[in-house]
Amino acid sequence: MGFRSFNFNLLILLFSSLLIIGCEKPDQNKKNNSIQINLSKSRKAKLSEFFERIDYLLLDYSHEKPIVFPYKMLFDEDRCFVESRETSSVFVFNWNAEVENIIQNLGMVPESSGLLMDFH
């Protein structure tokens, strides 16, 4: 019986030690990864202050189907998507700034009460 009580006492001591070590306060010297931003100290700046070179690419689209109030842009590896807020269309451009596709919202369909989309 003495051997079993010794094992039991050893297990209690081991678990108590692990509990004490696990509950130790974290190191106060570790860096805090949070960033504080104070918008009241913001200032106007030119992109040239941050970037060495800026290349502009003018998007080539038809005047018959214009982009009116570009709202959102998404850049992919080989395409750029631009949402026209006023026309509810999404223009798909390649990296040569040429239109590859226009996804248009043509309105509601009465029978199914869903949206009718047109892909060019």
N, C-alpha and C. Protein backbone atom coordinates (compact mmCIF):
# COMPACT_ATOMS: atom_id res chain seq x y z
N MET A 1 0.80 -1.19 0.00
CA MET A 1 0.00 0.00 0.00
C MET A 1 0.84 1.26 0.00
N GLY A 2 2.02 1.21 0.55
CA GLY A 2 2.89 2.38 0.62
C GLY A 2 3.33 2.85 -0.76
N PHE A 3 3.51 1.88 -1.66
CA PHE A 3 3.94 2.24 -3.02
C PHE A 3 2.85 2.98 -3.78
N ARG A 4 1.58 2.57 -3.61
CA ARG A 4 0.45 3.24 -4.28
C ARG A 4 0.27 4.66 -3.75
N SER A 5 0.38 4.84 -2.47
CA SER A 5 0.21 6.19 -1.91
C SER A 5 1.37 7.08 -2.35
N PHE A 6 2.56 6.49 -2.51
CA PHE A 6 3.70 7.25 -3.00
C PHE A 6 3.45 7.72 -4.44
N ASN A 7 2.94 6.83 -5.31
CA ASN A 7 2.61 7.20 -6.69
C ASN A 7 1.52 8.27 -6.73
N PHE A 8 0.51 8.12 -5.87
CA PHE A 8 -0.57 9.09 -5.83
C PHE A 8 -0.06 10.47 -5.39
N ASN A 9 0.79 10.48 -4.35
CA ASN A 9 1.37 11.75 -3.88
C ASN A 9 2.27 12.38 -4.95
N LEU A 10 2.99 11.53 -5.68
CA LEU A 10 3.86 12.02 -6.74
C LEU A 10 3.03 12.65 -7.87
N LEU A 11 1.91 12.00 -8.22
CA LEU A 11 1.02 12.55 -9.25
C LEU A 11 0.41 13.88 -8.82
N ILE A 12 0.00 13.98 -7.57
CA ILE A 12 -0.57 15.23 -7.06
C ILE A 12 0.48 16.33 -7.11
N LEU A 13 1.71 16.01 -6.72
CA LEU A 13 2.80 16.99 -6.74
C LEU A 13 3.10 17.43 -8.18
N LEU A 14 3.10 16.49 -9.12
CA LEU A 14 3.37 16.79 -10.52
C LEU A 14 2.28 17.70 -11.10
N PHE A 15 1.02 17.35 -10.89
CA PHE A 15 -0.08 18.17 -11.41
C PHE A 15 -0.13 19.54 -10.74
N SER A 16 0.18 19.62 -9.46
CA SER A 16 0.21 20.91 -8.76
C SER A 16 1.30 21.80 -9.35
N SER A 17 2.46 21.18 -9.63
CA SER A 17 3.57 21.95 -10.21
C SER A 17 3.19 22.48 -11.60
N LEU A 18 2.58 21.62 -12.41
CA LEU A 18 2.14 22.06 -13.74
C LEU A 18 1.10 23.17 -13.65
N LEU A 19 0.21 23.08 -12.70
CA LEU A 19 -0.82 24.10 -12.52
C LEU A 19 -0.20 25.43 -12.13
N ILE A 20 0.75 25.40 -11.22
CA ILE A 20 1.43 26.63 -10.78
C ILE A 20 2.22 27.26 -11.93
N ILE A 21 2.93 26.43 -12.68
CA ILE A 21 3.73 26.93 -13.80
C ILE A 21 2.81 27.49 -14.90
N GLY A 22 1.68 26.80 -15.14
CA GLY A 22 0.75 27.25 -16.17
C GLY A 22 0.04 28.54 -15.83
N CYS A 23 -0.11 28.83 -14.56
CA CYS A 23 -0.81 30.04 -14.13
C CYS A 23 0.13 31.21 -13.89
N GLU A 24 1.37 31.08 -14.26
CA GLU A 24 2.35 32.14 -14.06
C GLU A 24 1.97 33.36 -14.90
N LYS A 25 2.26 34.54 -14.38
CA LYS A 25 1.98 35.78 -15.11
C LYS A 25 2.80 35.83 -16.39
N PRO A 26 2.21 36.34 -17.48
CA PRO A 26 2.98 36.45 -18.72
C PRO A 26 4.10 37.48 -18.58
N ASP A 27 5.11 37.30 -19.38
CA ASP A 27 6.28 38.18 -19.33
C ASP A 27 5.87 39.61 -19.72
N GLN A 28 6.14 40.56 -18.86
CA GLN A 28 5.78 41.96 -19.11
C GLN A 28 6.69 42.62 -20.13
N ASN A 29 7.82 42.00 -20.42
CA ASN A 29 8.78 42.59 -21.36
C ASN A 29 8.44 42.27 -22.82
N LYS A 30 7.47 41.40 -23.05
CA LYS A 30 7.10 41.07 -24.43
C LYS A 30 6.45 42.28 -25.08
N LYS A 31 6.70 42.43 -26.40
CA LYS A 31 6.14 43.58 -27.12
C LYS A 31 4.65 43.41 -27.32
N ASN A 32 3.96 44.52 -27.28
CA ASN A 32 2.54 44.55 -27.57
C ASN A 32 2.38 44.73 -29.08
N ASN A 33 1.60 43.89 -29.74
CA ASN A 33 1.45 43.94 -31.18
C ASN A 33 0.36 44.89 -31.65
N SER A 34 -0.24 45.65 -30.76
CA SER A 34 -1.30 46.57 -31.18
C SER A 34 -0.70 47.88 -31.67
N ILE A 35 -1.41 48.50 -32.60
CA ILE A 35 -0.99 49.78 -33.18
C ILE A 35 -2.07 50.80 -32.88
N GLN A 36 -1.67 51.93 -32.34
CA GLN A 36 -2.64 52.99 -32.06
C GLN A 36 -2.57 54.03 -33.16
N ILE A 37 -3.74 54.42 -33.66
CA ILE A 37 -3.83 55.41 -34.73
C ILE A 37 -4.66 56.58 -34.22
N ASN A 38 -4.09 57.77 -34.28
CA ASN A 38 -4.80 58.97 -33.87
C ASN A 38 -5.13 59.78 -35.12
N LEU A 39 -6.39 59.72 -35.55
CA LEU A 39 -6.79 60.39 -36.78
C LEU A 39 -6.74 61.92 -36.67
N SER A 40 -6.77 62.44 -35.46
CA SER A 40 -6.70 63.90 -35.32
C SER A 40 -5.31 64.43 -35.65
N LYS A 41 -4.30 63.55 -35.67
CA LYS A 41 -2.94 63.95 -36.02
C LYS A 41 -2.60 63.62 -37.47
N SER A 42 -3.61 63.25 -38.26
CA SER A 42 -3.34 62.90 -39.67
C SER A 42 -3.05 64.17 -40.47
N ARG A 43 -2.42 63.98 -41.63
CA ARG A 43 -2.10 65.10 -42.49
C ARG A 43 -2.23 64.68 -43.95
N LYS A 44 -2.37 65.64 -44.81
CA LYS A 44 -2.41 65.35 -46.24
C LYS A 44 -0.98 65.08 -46.71
N ALA A 45 -0.88 64.17 -47.67
CA ALA A 45 0.44 63.83 -48.19
C ALA A 45 0.30 63.39 -49.64
N LYS A 46 1.40 63.43 -50.34
CA LYS A 46 1.43 62.97 -51.72
C LYS A 46 1.94 61.53 -51.73
N LEU A 47 1.44 60.75 -52.69
CA LEU A 47 1.90 59.37 -52.79
C LEU A 47 3.40 59.29 -53.04
N SER A 48 3.95 60.32 -53.69
CA SER A 48 5.38 60.31 -54.00
C SER A 48 6.23 60.36 -52.73
N GLU A 49 5.65 60.75 -51.60
CA GLU A 49 6.38 60.74 -50.34
C GLU A 49 6.60 59.30 -49.84
N PHE A 50 5.78 58.37 -50.30
CA PHE A 50 5.83 57.00 -49.81
C PHE A 50 6.31 56.00 -50.86
N PHE A 51 6.10 56.34 -52.14
CA PHE A 51 6.45 55.41 -53.21
C PHE A 51 7.46 56.05 -54.14
N GLU A 52 8.36 55.24 -54.64
CA GLU A 52 9.39 55.72 -55.54
C GLU A 52 8.81 56.07 -56.92
N ARG A 53 7.86 55.25 -57.37
CA ARG A 53 7.31 55.45 -58.70
C ARG A 53 5.85 55.00 -58.72
N ILE A 54 5.02 55.74 -59.43
CA ILE A 54 3.61 55.40 -59.58
C ILE A 54 3.30 55.34 -61.06
N ASP A 55 2.73 54.23 -61.49
CA ASP A 55 2.31 54.10 -62.88
C ASP A 55 0.79 54.13 -62.93
N TYR A 56 0.25 54.94 -63.83
CA TYR A 56 -1.18 55.03 -64.01
C TYR A 56 -1.57 54.28 -65.27
N LEU A 57 -2.70 53.64 -65.22
CA LEU A 57 -3.20 52.91 -66.37
C LEU A 57 -4.64 53.35 -66.59
N LEU A 58 -4.91 54.01 -67.71
CA LEU A 58 -6.26 54.47 -68.00
C LEU A 58 -7.11 53.33 -68.51
N LEU A 59 -8.26 53.12 -67.89
CA LEU A 59 -9.14 52.03 -68.28
C LEU A 59 -9.85 52.38 -69.58
N ASP A 60 -9.84 51.44 -70.50
CA ASP A 60 -10.42 51.65 -71.82
C ASP A 60 -11.79 50.98 -71.87
N TYR A 61 -12.85 51.79 -71.83
CA TYR A 61 -14.20 51.25 -71.91
C TYR A 61 -15.04 52.11 -72.84
N SER A 62 -16.14 51.55 -73.30
CA SER A 62 -17.01 52.19 -74.28
C SER A 62 -17.82 53.32 -73.64
N HIS A 63 -18.06 54.37 -74.41
CA HIS A 63 -18.90 55.47 -73.91
C HIS A 63 -20.37 55.07 -73.90
N GLU A 64 -20.70 54.00 -74.62
CA GLU A 64 -22.09 53.52 -74.63
C GLU A 64 -22.43 52.83 -73.31
N LYS A 65 -21.43 52.23 -72.68
CA LYS A 65 -21.61 51.59 -71.37
C LYS A 65 -20.53 52.12 -70.44
N PRO A 66 -20.75 53.32 -69.91
CA PRO A 66 -19.71 53.95 -69.09
C PRO A 66 -19.67 53.43 -67.65
N ILE A 67 -18.56 53.68 -67.01
CA ILE A 67 -18.44 53.46 -65.57
C ILE A 67 -18.85 54.78 -64.91
N VAL A 68 -19.95 54.73 -64.16
CA VAL A 68 -20.46 55.93 -63.50
C VAL A 68 -20.27 55.76 -61.99
N PHE A 69 -19.52 56.66 -61.39
CA PHE A 69 -19.19 56.61 -59.97
C PHE A 69 -18.58 55.24 -59.60
N PRO A 70 -17.34 54.99 -60.00
CA PRO A 70 -16.71 53.72 -59.61
C PRO A 70 -16.74 53.58 -58.09
N TYR A 71 -17.25 52.46 -57.65
CA TYR A 71 -17.52 52.28 -56.22
C TYR A 71 -16.51 51.35 -55.55
N LYS A 72 -16.35 50.17 -56.10
CA LYS A 72 -15.42 49.20 -55.51
C LYS A 72 -14.50 48.68 -56.59
N MET A 73 -13.29 48.36 -56.21
CA MET A 73 -12.32 47.76 -57.13
C MET A 73 -11.71 46.55 -56.45
N LEU A 74 -11.49 45.51 -57.26
CA LEU A 74 -10.87 44.30 -56.78
C LEU A 74 -9.79 43.92 -57.77
N PHE A 75 -8.60 43.66 -57.29
CA PHE A 75 -7.48 43.32 -58.15
C PHE A 75 -7.13 41.85 -57.95
N ASP A 76 -7.07 41.14 -59.05
CA ASP A 76 -6.72 39.72 -59.07
C ASP A 76 -5.36 39.60 -59.74
N GLU A 77 -4.86 38.39 -59.88
CA GLU A 77 -3.57 38.19 -60.53
C GLU A 77 -3.57 38.67 -61.99
N ASP A 78 -4.68 38.45 -62.68
CA ASP A 78 -4.70 38.79 -64.10
C ASP A 78 -5.88 39.68 -64.50
N ARG A 79 -6.66 40.15 -63.53
CA ARG A 79 -7.82 40.98 -63.85
C ARG A 79 -8.04 42.05 -62.79
N CYS A 80 -8.82 43.04 -63.21
CA CYS A 80 -9.26 44.10 -62.30
C CYS A 80 -10.77 44.21 -62.46
N PHE A 81 -11.49 44.21 -61.35
CA PHE A 81 -12.94 44.32 -61.36
C PHE A 81 -13.32 45.69 -60.82
N VAL A 82 -14.19 46.39 -61.54
CA VAL A 82 -14.62 47.73 -61.12
C VAL A 82 -16.14 47.75 -61.10
N GLU A 83 -16.72 48.13 -59.96
CA GLU A 83 -18.17 48.23 -59.85
C GLU A 83 -18.59 49.66 -60.15
N SER A 84 -19.53 49.80 -61.08
CA SER A 84 -20.11 51.10 -61.40
C SER A 84 -21.34 51.26 -60.51
N ARG A 85 -21.28 52.19 -59.59
CA ARG A 85 -22.35 52.33 -58.61
C ARG A 85 -23.67 52.76 -59.25
N GLU A 86 -23.62 53.67 -60.18
CA GLU A 86 -24.84 54.21 -60.78
C GLU A 86 -25.53 53.19 -61.69
N THR A 87 -24.77 52.42 -62.44
CA THR A 87 -25.36 51.48 -63.40
C THR A 87 -25.48 50.06 -62.84
N SER A 88 -24.98 49.83 -61.64
CA SER A 88 -24.99 48.50 -61.01
C SER A 88 -24.36 47.45 -61.91
N SER A 89 -23.29 47.81 -62.56
CA SER A 89 -22.56 46.89 -63.44
C SER A 89 -21.17 46.66 -62.88
N VAL A 90 -20.61 45.52 -63.22
CA VAL A 90 -19.23 45.20 -62.85
C VAL A 90 -18.43 45.04 -64.13
N PHE A 91 -17.39 45.84 -64.27
CA PHE A 91 -16.53 45.80 -65.45
C PHE A 91 -15.30 44.97 -65.11
N VAL A 92 -14.97 44.05 -66.00
CA VAL A 92 -13.81 43.18 -65.82
C VAL A 92 -12.76 43.61 -66.84
N PHE A 93 -11.59 44.04 -66.33
CA PHE A 93 -10.50 44.52 -67.18
C PHE A 93 -9.32 43.56 -67.08
N ASN A 94 -8.58 43.43 -68.18
CA ASN A 94 -7.30 42.72 -68.12
C ASN A 94 -6.23 43.75 -67.74
N TRP A 95 -4.98 43.31 -67.62
CA TRP A 95 -3.92 44.23 -67.19
C TRP A 95 -3.44 45.15 -68.31
N ASN A 96 -4.04 45.04 -69.49
CA ASN A 96 -3.80 46.02 -70.56
C ASN A 96 -4.87 47.10 -70.55
N ALA A 97 -5.71 47.11 -69.52
CA ALA A 97 -6.79 48.07 -69.31
C ALA A 97 -7.90 47.93 -70.34
N GLU A 98 -8.04 46.76 -70.94
CA GLU A 98 -9.10 46.51 -71.91
C GLU A 98 -10.23 45.77 -71.23
N VAL A 99 -11.47 46.10 -71.62
CA VAL A 99 -12.63 45.44 -71.04
C VAL A 99 -12.69 44.00 -71.56
N GLU A 100 -12.75 43.06 -70.64
CA GLU A 100 -12.92 41.65 -71.00
C GLU A 100 -14.38 41.25 -70.91
N ASN A 101 -15.10 41.85 -69.96
CA ASN A 101 -16.48 41.46 -69.72
C ASN A 101 -17.19 42.56 -68.95
N ILE A 102 -18.50 42.65 -69.14
CA ILE A 102 -19.33 43.56 -68.35
C ILE A 102 -20.48 42.74 -67.79
N ILE A 103 -20.62 42.74 -66.51
CA ILE A 103 -21.72 42.04 -65.85
C ILE A 103 -22.74 43.11 -65.47
N GLN A 104 -23.93 43.04 -66.10
CA GLN A 104 -24.94 44.07 -65.90
C GLN A 104 -26.14 43.52 -65.14
N ASN A 105 -26.72 44.36 -64.34
CA ASN A 105 -27.96 44.05 -63.66
C ASN A 105 -29.07 44.59 -64.54
N LEU A 106 -29.91 43.71 -65.08
CA LEU A 106 -30.98 44.14 -65.97
C LEU A 106 -32.30 44.31 -65.23
N GLY A 107 -32.32 44.15 -63.94
CA GLY A 107 -33.54 44.36 -63.16
C GLY A 107 -34.12 43.06 -62.67
N MET A 108 -35.33 43.17 -62.14
CA MET A 108 -36.03 42.02 -61.57
C MET A 108 -36.82 41.28 -62.64
N VAL A 109 -36.88 39.97 -62.53
CA VAL A 109 -37.69 39.14 -63.42
C VAL A 109 -39.00 38.85 -62.70
N PRO A 110 -40.15 39.23 -63.29
CA PRO A 110 -41.43 39.09 -62.57
C PRO A 110 -41.78 37.66 -62.17
N GLU A 111 -41.52 36.68 -63.04
CA GLU A 111 -41.94 35.31 -62.74
C GLU A 111 -41.21 34.74 -61.54
N SER A 112 -39.92 34.92 -61.49
CA SER A 112 -39.14 34.28 -60.43
C SER A 112 -38.78 35.26 -59.31
N SER A 113 -39.09 36.51 -59.51
CA SER A 113 -38.73 37.59 -58.57
C SER A 113 -37.26 37.54 -58.19
N GLY A 114 -36.43 37.21 -59.16
CA GLY A 114 -34.99 37.21 -58.95
C GLY A 114 -34.35 38.25 -59.84
N LEU A 115 -33.04 38.35 -59.80
CA LEU A 115 -32.31 39.30 -60.63
C LEU A 115 -31.96 38.66 -61.96
N LEU A 116 -32.01 39.46 -63.00
CA LEU A 116 -31.60 39.02 -64.32
C LEU A 116 -30.26 39.66 -64.62
N MET A 117 -29.25 38.85 -64.82
CA MET A 117 -27.91 39.36 -65.07
C MET A 117 -27.55 39.09 -66.53
N ASP A 118 -26.81 39.99 -67.12
CA ASP A 118 -26.38 39.86 -68.51
C ASP A 118 -24.86 39.88 -68.53
N PHE A 119 -24.26 38.86 -69.14
CA PHE A 119 -22.81 38.77 -69.27
C PHE A 119 -22.45 39.04 -70.71
N HIS A 120 -21.56 39.99 -70.95
CA HIS A 120 -21.12 40.31 -72.32
C HIS A 120 -19.80 39.67 -72.61
